[in-house]
Amino acid sequence: MAEHKQGSMDIRAQEKTFAGFVKLSTWGAVISILVLIFMALANA
């Protein structure tokens, strides 16, 4: 069986993917809030 040392795995790709996911989620939330504000103002 192969020897594995804890903490030796290269996780740069996972970190990059997670950073992209966080950025996309943040932009999605901001856009959703802006749309809701616009809808509230347009209906008033």
N, C-alpha and C. Protein backbone atom coordinates (compact mmCIF):
# COMPACT_ATOMS: atom_id res chain seq x y z
N MET A 1 0.85 -1.17 0.00
CA MET A 1 0.00 0.00 0.00
C MET A 1 0.91 1.25 0.00
N ALA A 2 0.45 2.29 -0.68
CA ALA A 2 1.23 3.51 -0.78
C ALA A 2 1.23 4.26 0.55
N GLU A 3 2.38 4.83 0.86
CA GLU A 3 2.50 5.62 2.09
C GLU A 3 1.94 7.02 1.84
N HIS A 4 1.13 7.52 2.73
CA HIS A 4 0.53 8.85 2.59
C HIS A 4 0.83 9.67 3.83
N LYS A 5 1.37 10.88 3.61
CA LYS A 5 1.64 11.79 4.72
C LYS A 5 0.54 12.84 4.75
N GLN A 6 -0.05 13.01 5.90
CA GLN A 6 -1.13 13.98 6.06
C GLN A 6 -0.61 15.39 5.79
N GLY A 7 -1.38 16.14 4.99
CA GLY A 7 -1.01 17.52 4.68
C GLY A 7 -0.09 17.66 3.48
N SER A 8 0.20 16.58 2.76
CA SER A 8 1.12 16.66 1.64
C SER A 8 0.43 16.78 0.29
N MET A 9 -0.90 16.74 0.28
CA MET A 9 -1.63 16.80 -0.98
C MET A 9 -1.65 18.23 -1.53
N ASP A 10 -1.52 18.36 -2.84
CA ASP A 10 -1.58 19.67 -3.49
C ASP A 10 -3.05 20.05 -3.68
N ILE A 11 -3.49 21.11 -3.00
CA ILE A 11 -4.91 21.48 -3.05
C ILE A 11 -5.13 22.83 -3.73
N ARG A 12 -4.16 23.29 -4.54
CA ARG A 12 -4.30 24.59 -5.19
C ARG A 12 -5.52 24.62 -6.11
N ALA A 13 -5.78 23.54 -6.83
CA ALA A 13 -6.92 23.51 -7.74
C ALA A 13 -8.24 23.61 -6.96
N GLN A 14 -8.33 22.91 -5.84
CA GLN A 14 -9.53 22.97 -5.02
C GLN A 14 -9.72 24.36 -4.43
N GLU A 15 -8.64 24.99 -3.99
CA GLU A 15 -8.74 26.34 -3.43
C GLU A 15 -9.18 27.34 -4.49
N LYS A 16 -8.67 27.19 -5.70
CA LYS A 16 -9.05 28.09 -6.80
C LYS A 16 -10.53 27.91 -7.15
N THR A 17 -10.98 26.66 -7.19
CA THR A 17 -12.38 26.38 -7.49
C THR A 17 -13.28 26.95 -6.40
N PHE A 18 -12.91 26.77 -5.14
CA PHE A 18 -13.71 27.29 -4.03
C PHE A 18 -13.77 28.81 -4.05
N ALA A 19 -12.64 29.46 -4.37
CA ALA A 19 -12.62 30.92 -4.45
C ALA A 19 -13.56 31.40 -5.57
N GLY A 20 -13.58 30.69 -6.68
CA GLY A 20 -14.50 31.03 -7.77
C GLY A 20 -15.94 30.85 -7.35
N PHE A 21 -16.23 29.79 -6.62
CA PHE A 21 -17.58 29.54 -6.14
C PHE A 21 -18.04 30.64 -5.18
N VAL A 22 -17.16 31.06 -4.28
CA VAL A 22 -17.50 32.12 -3.34
C VAL A 22 -17.76 33.42 -4.08
N LYS A 23 -16.92 33.74 -5.07
CA LYS A 23 -17.09 34.96 -5.85
C LYS A 23 -18.41 34.93 -6.62
N LEU A 24 -18.71 33.80 -7.24
CA LEU A 24 -19.96 33.65 -8.00
C LEU A 24 -21.17 33.76 -7.07
N SER A 25 -21.10 33.15 -5.91
CA SER A 25 -22.21 33.21 -4.95
C SER A 25 -22.42 34.63 -4.46
N THR A 26 -21.33 35.34 -4.20
CA THR A 26 -21.43 36.73 -3.74
C THR A 26 -22.09 37.60 -4.81
N TRP A 27 -21.64 37.49 -6.06
CA TRP A 27 -22.23 38.27 -7.14
C TRP A 27 -23.70 37.91 -7.34
N GLY A 28 -24.02 36.62 -7.23
CA GLY A 28 -25.41 36.20 -7.37
C GLY A 28 -26.30 36.81 -6.29
N ALA A 29 -25.80 36.86 -5.06
CA ALA A 29 -26.57 37.44 -3.97
C ALA A 29 -26.75 38.94 -4.17
N VAL A 30 -25.69 39.63 -4.59
CA VAL A 30 -25.77 41.08 -4.82
C VAL A 30 -26.77 41.38 -5.93
N ILE A 31 -26.68 40.65 -7.03
CA ILE A 31 -27.61 40.88 -8.14
C ILE A 31 -29.05 40.60 -7.72
N SER A 32 -29.27 39.54 -6.96
CA SER A 32 -30.62 39.22 -6.49
C SER A 32 -31.18 40.34 -5.61
N ILE A 33 -30.36 40.85 -4.72
CA ILE A 33 -30.81 41.94 -3.84
C ILE A 33 -31.13 43.19 -4.65
N LEU A 34 -30.27 43.52 -5.63
CA LEU A 34 -30.54 44.68 -6.47
C LEU A 34 -31.83 44.52 -7.27
N VAL A 35 -32.08 43.33 -7.78
CA VAL A 35 -33.31 43.08 -8.52
C VAL A 35 -34.52 43.25 -7.62
N LEU A 36 -34.44 42.73 -6.40
CA LEU A 36 -35.55 42.88 -5.45
C LEU A 36 -35.80 44.33 -5.10
N ILE A 37 -34.74 45.10 -4.90
CA ILE A 37 -34.90 46.54 -4.61
C ILE A 37 -35.54 47.23 -5.80
N PHE A 38 -35.08 46.93 -7.01
CA PHE A 38 -35.66 47.54 -8.20
C PHE A 38 -37.14 47.20 -8.33
N MET A 39 -37.49 45.94 -8.09
CA MET A 39 -38.89 45.52 -8.19
C MET A 39 -39.73 46.25 -7.15
N ALA A 40 -39.21 46.42 -5.94
CA ALA A 40 -39.96 47.12 -4.89
C ALA A 40 -40.17 48.58 -5.27
N LEU A 41 -39.17 49.22 -5.83
CA LEU A 41 -39.29 50.63 -6.20
C LEU A 41 -40.19 50.82 -7.43
N ALA A 42 -40.14 49.90 -8.36
CA ALA A 42 -40.93 50.00 -9.58
C ALA A 42 -42.42 49.77 -9.29
N ASN A 43 -42.72 49.01 -8.26
CA ASN A 43 -44.11 48.71 -7.93
C ASN A 43 -44.74 49.77 -7.02
N ALA A 44 -43.92 50.63 -6.45
CA ALA A 44 -44.41 51.59 -5.46
C ALA A 44 -45.15 52.71 -6.06
